Amino acid sequence: MKNNQPFIAGITGGIGSGKTTAAKFFEELGVPVYNSDTRAKIIQNENSEVKVKIIEAFGHEAYNESGLNRDYIAKQVFNNNEKLKQLNQIVHPAVFNDFEEWKKKQTSKIIMKEAAILIESGSYKDCDVVISVLMNKEKRIQRIMARDGFTEEQVMARINNQISDEERIQKSDFIIDNNDDLAHLKNEVEKTFIKIKKLL
């Protein structure tokens, strides 16, 4: 706790690892959770400054009548690191500011920031602790294929676009193993929460 600021726990994990489910368990324990990925989607549709910048960078096709044209943007940034970097440079600062505004409204001693690219974006540096949720690759592939209807090749492309679990582990203070059932995951979350409370 710094200057009455809440203690920030960052939670991350690769696609299909179960980080959102783990974050929900933390929420059940009374920890307010900021979901960066959900908020980023809302910001890209509602923040006029962000919309203007995205249109400047990607053209008018970036938006359609239902909002951000996700398929178009995904095709633009997939396998194009420059375009991805460009998009992130527009969205990340807006999400950072949004989180700061959200943080001011929280009264809990511990708050949580959930983000798929917590480490890649550098925002893990603003957290007091970093938690990574890990699940073995084979289970993740099966899970994402069932959940999103992707082919194995599509899933692997997304996994390979993210940092490895080894890199996540290096930057993490706590590891949550999600290779068992939901009861096991909940138990892992509860054990981690007890450890975090001891740091206050």
Protein backbone atom coordinates (compact mmCIF):
# COMPACT_ATOMS: atom_id res chain seq x y z
CA MET A 1 0.00 0.00 0.00
CA LYS A 2 1.63 3.21 -1.21
CA ASN A 3 0.20 6.57 -0.08
CA ASN A 4 -3.22 5.03 0.54
CA GLN A 5 -3.18 3.70 -3.02
CA PRO A 6 -4.76 0.27 -3.46
CA PHE A 7 -2.50 -2.74 -3.87
CA ILE A 8 -2.59 -3.72 -7.56
CA ALA A 9 -2.45 -7.38 -8.51
CA GLY A 10 -2.02 -7.95 -12.24
CA ILE A 11 -3.36 -11.22 -13.64
CA THR A 12 -2.47 -12.62 -17.05
CA GLY A 13 -2.11 -15.82 -19.01
CA GLY A 14 -1.97 -17.06 -22.58
CA ILE A 15 -5.08 -17.45 -24.71
CA GLY A 16 -7.27 -20.23 -23.32
CA SER A 17 -5.38 -20.49 -20.03
CA GLY A 18 -8.41 -19.59 -17.88
CA LYS A 19 -7.24 -16.21 -16.58
CA THR A 20 -10.76 -14.71 -16.83
CA THR A 21 -12.23 -17.58 -14.80
CA ALA A 22 -9.47 -17.16 -12.20
CA ALA A 23 -10.18 -13.41 -12.08
CA LYS A 24 -13.88 -14.16 -11.47
CA PHE A 25 -12.90 -16.32 -8.49
CA PHE A 26 -10.85 -13.40 -7.12
CA GLU A 27 -13.94 -11.22 -7.63
CA GLU A 28 -15.97 -13.68 -5.55
CA LEU A 29 -13.40 -13.15 -2.78
CA GLY A 30 -14.18 -9.42 -2.86
CA VAL A 31 -11.42 -8.18 -5.18
CA PRO A 32 -12.64 -5.61 -7.75
CA VAL A 33 -11.38 -6.67 -11.21
CA TYR A 34 -10.65 -4.38 -14.15
CA ASN A 35 -10.81 -6.37 -17.39
CA SER A 36 -8.44 -4.59 -19.78
CA ASP A 37 -9.50 -6.60 -22.84
CA THR A 38 -13.22 -5.90 -22.36
CA ARG A 39 -12.58 -2.22 -21.63
CA ALA A 40 -10.28 -1.93 -24.70
CA LYS A 41 -13.16 -3.16 -26.90
CA ILE A 42 -15.54 -0.59 -25.39
CA ILE A 43 -12.96 2.22 -25.70
CA GLN A 44 -12.37 1.42 -29.39
CA ASN A 45 -16.10 1.83 -30.00
CA GLU A 46 -16.87 4.76 -27.70
CA ASN A 47 -13.77 6.95 -27.38
CA SER A 48 -13.97 9.45 -30.28
CA GLU A 49 -10.24 10.32 -30.09
CA VAL A 50 -9.30 6.63 -30.33
CA LYS A 51 -11.73 6.09 -33.22
CA VAL A 52 -10.25 8.98 -35.20
CA LYS A 53 -6.71 7.63 -34.70
CA ILE A 54 -7.74 4.09 -35.72
CA ILE A 55 -9.43 5.39 -38.90
CA GLU A 56 -6.31 7.47 -39.70
CA ALA A 57 -4.11 4.39 -39.27
CA PHE A 58 -6.33 1.71 -40.84
CA GLY A 59 -8.81 3.52 -43.10
CA HIS A 60 -12.59 3.94 -42.95
CA GLU A 61 -13.12 0.16 -43.27
CA ALA A 62 -11.92 -0.05 -39.64
CA TYR A 63 -15.51 0.72 -38.56
CA ASN A 64 -18.88 -0.43 -39.88
CA GLU A 65 -22.47 0.12 -38.74
CA SER A 66 -22.00 -2.17 -35.73
CA GLY A 67 -18.79 -0.46 -34.56
CA LEU A 68 -15.18 -1.58 -34.82
CA ASN A 69 -14.74 -3.99 -37.74
CA ARG A 70 -12.88 -6.67 -35.77
CA ASP A 71 -12.35 -9.05 -38.69
CA TYR A 72 -10.84 -6.29 -40.82
CA ILE A 73 -8.56 -5.08 -38.01
CA ALA A 74 -7.54 -8.67 -37.14
CA LYS A 75 -6.52 -9.27 -40.77
CA GLN A 76 -4.55 -6.01 -40.80
CA VAL A 77 -2.52 -6.73 -37.66
CA PHE A 78 -2.18 -10.51 -37.93
CA ASN A 79 1.41 -11.33 -38.91
CA ASN A 80 2.12 -7.59 -39.27
CA ASN A 81 4.03 -6.44 -36.21
CA GLU A 82 4.22 -2.83 -37.40
CA LYS A 83 0.43 -2.58 -37.75
CA LEU A 84 -0.07 -4.33 -34.40
CA LYS A 85 2.36 -1.92 -32.76
CA GLN A 86 0.48 0.99 -34.32
CA LEU A 87 -2.84 -0.27 -32.96
CA ASN A 88 -1.37 -0.86 -29.49
CA GLN A 89 0.12 2.65 -29.42
CA ILE A 90 -3.39 4.02 -29.95
CA VAL A 91 -5.28 1.73 -27.57
CA HIS A 92 -2.85 1.18 -24.65
CA PRO A 93 -2.63 4.80 -23.43
CA ALA A 94 -6.45 5.07 -23.52
CA VAL A 95 -6.81 1.83 -21.52
CA PHE A 96 -4.15 3.04 -19.04
CA ASN A 97 -6.10 6.28 -18.46
CA ASP A 98 -9.37 4.37 -18.17
CA PHE A 99 -7.83 2.07 -15.54
CA GLU A 100 -6.52 5.08 -13.59
CA GLU A 101 -10.04 6.58 -13.55
CA TRP A 102 -11.52 3.23 -12.46
CA LYS A 103 -8.85 2.87 -9.74
CA LYS A 104 -9.83 6.22 -8.17
CA LYS A 105 -13.36 4.92 -7.59
CA GLN A 106 -12.27 1.75 -5.78
CA THR A 107 -12.37 1.48 -2.00
CA SER A 108 -10.89 -2.03 -1.69
CA LYS A 109 -7.33 -2.46 -0.37
CA ILE A 110 -6.58 -4.93 -3.19
CA ILE A 111 -7.66 -4.41 -6.79
CA MET A 112 -6.92 -6.53 -9.84
CA LYS A 113 -6.01 -5.70 -13.42
CA GLU A 114 -6.72 -8.52 -15.85
CA ALA A 115 -4.93 -8.30 -19.21
CA ALA A 116 -3.91 -10.79 -21.88
CA ILE A 117 -0.85 -8.69 -22.73
CA LEU A 118 -0.07 -7.39 -19.24
CA ILE A 119 3.61 -8.27 -19.69
CA GLU A 120 4.02 -7.46 -23.40
CA SER A 121 2.46 -4.01 -22.96
CA GLY A 122 4.74 -3.20 -20.02
CA SER A 123 1.75 -2.49 -17.76
CA TYR A 124 2.90 -5.24 -15.39
CA LYS A 125 5.41 -2.63 -14.12
CA ASP A 126 2.50 -0.66 -12.64
CA CYS A 127 1.36 -3.68 -10.60
CA ASP A 128 2.53 -4.57 -7.11
CA VAL A 129 2.41 -8.28 -7.93
CA VAL A 130 1.92 -10.25 -11.14
CA ILE A 131 -0.05 -13.51 -11.27
CA SER A 132 0.13 -15.83 -14.28
CA VAL A 133 -2.45 -18.52 -14.93
CA LEU A 134 -0.89 -21.50 -16.68
CA MET A 135 -2.41 -24.42 -18.54
CA ASN A 136 -0.56 -26.89 -20.74
CA LYS A 137 -0.64 -26.15 -24.47
CA GLU A 138 -2.58 -29.26 -25.53
CA LYS A 139 -5.43 -28.48 -23.13
CA ARG A 140 -5.48 -24.84 -24.24
CA ILE A 141 -5.65 -25.85 -27.94
CA GLN A 142 -8.61 -28.18 -27.30
CA ARG A 143 -10.32 -25.55 -25.15
CA ILE A 144 -10.02 -22.71 -27.68
CA MET A 145 -11.07 -24.95 -30.60
CA ALA A 146 -14.23 -25.93 -28.68
CA ARG A 147 -14.90 -22.38 -27.42
CA ASP A 148 -14.16 -20.28 -30.51
CA GLY A 149 -14.58 -22.77 -33.34
CA PHE A 150 -10.99 -22.25 -34.53
CA THR A 151 -8.91 -24.84 -36.32
CA GLU A 152 -5.77 -26.13 -34.58
CA GLU A 153 -3.70 -24.07 -37.02
CA GLN A 154 -5.60 -20.88 -36.12
CA VAL A 155 -5.16 -21.56 -32.42
CA MET A 156 -1.42 -22.21 -32.79
CA ALA A 157 -1.01 -18.95 -34.74
CA ARG A 158 -2.60 -17.06 -31.83
CA ILE A 159 -0.55 -18.89 -29.20
CA ASN A 160 2.66 -18.20 -31.16
CA ASN A 161 1.74 -14.52 -31.35
CA GLN A 162 1.95 -14.29 -27.55
CA ILE A 163 4.95 -14.57 -25.25
CA SER A 164 5.78 -18.02 -23.90
CA ASP A 165 4.80 -19.30 -20.46
CA GLU A 166 8.51 -19.36 -19.60
CA GLU A 167 8.67 -15.60 -20.18
CA ARG A 168 5.50 -15.11 -18.13
CA ILE A 169 6.94 -17.13 -15.23
CA GLN A 170 10.05 -14.94 -15.18
CA LYS A 171 7.93 -11.81 -14.66
CA SER A 172 5.46 -13.37 -12.20
CA ASP A 173 5.29 -13.31 -8.42
CA PHE A 174 2.61 -16.01 -8.28
CA ILE A 175 1.73 -18.89 -10.58
CA ILE A 176 -1.76 -20.38 -10.68
CA ASP A 177 -1.90 -23.88 -12.13
CA ASN A 178 -5.06 -24.53 -14.16
CA ASN A 179 -4.40 -28.07 -15.36
CA ASP A 180 -7.17 -29.63 -13.29
CA ASP A 181 -10.87 -28.92 -12.72
CA LEU A 182 -12.63 -25.72 -11.59
CA ALA A 183 -12.49 -26.74 -7.92
CA HIS A 184 -8.71 -27.00 -8.21
CA LEU A 185 -8.52 -23.57 -9.89
CA LYS A 186 -10.69 -22.01 -7.18
CA ASN A 187 -8.45 -23.53 -4.50
CA GLU A 188 -5.34 -22.17 -6.26
CA VAL A 189 -6.94 -18.70 -6.33
CA GLU A 190 -7.83 -18.86 -2.64
CA LYS A 191 -4.27 -19.90 -1.69
CA THR A 192 -2.82 -17.07 -3.79
CA PHE A 193 -5.24 -14.55 -2.24
CA ILE A 194 -4.09 -15.54 1.26
CA LYS A 195 -0.45 -14.98 0.21
CA ILE A 196 -1.26 -11.58 -1.31
CA LYS A 197 -3.08 -10.42 1.83
CA LYS A 198 0.05 -11.15 3.83
CA LEU A 199 1.92 -8.60 1.69
CA LEU A 200 -0.34 -5.71 2.74
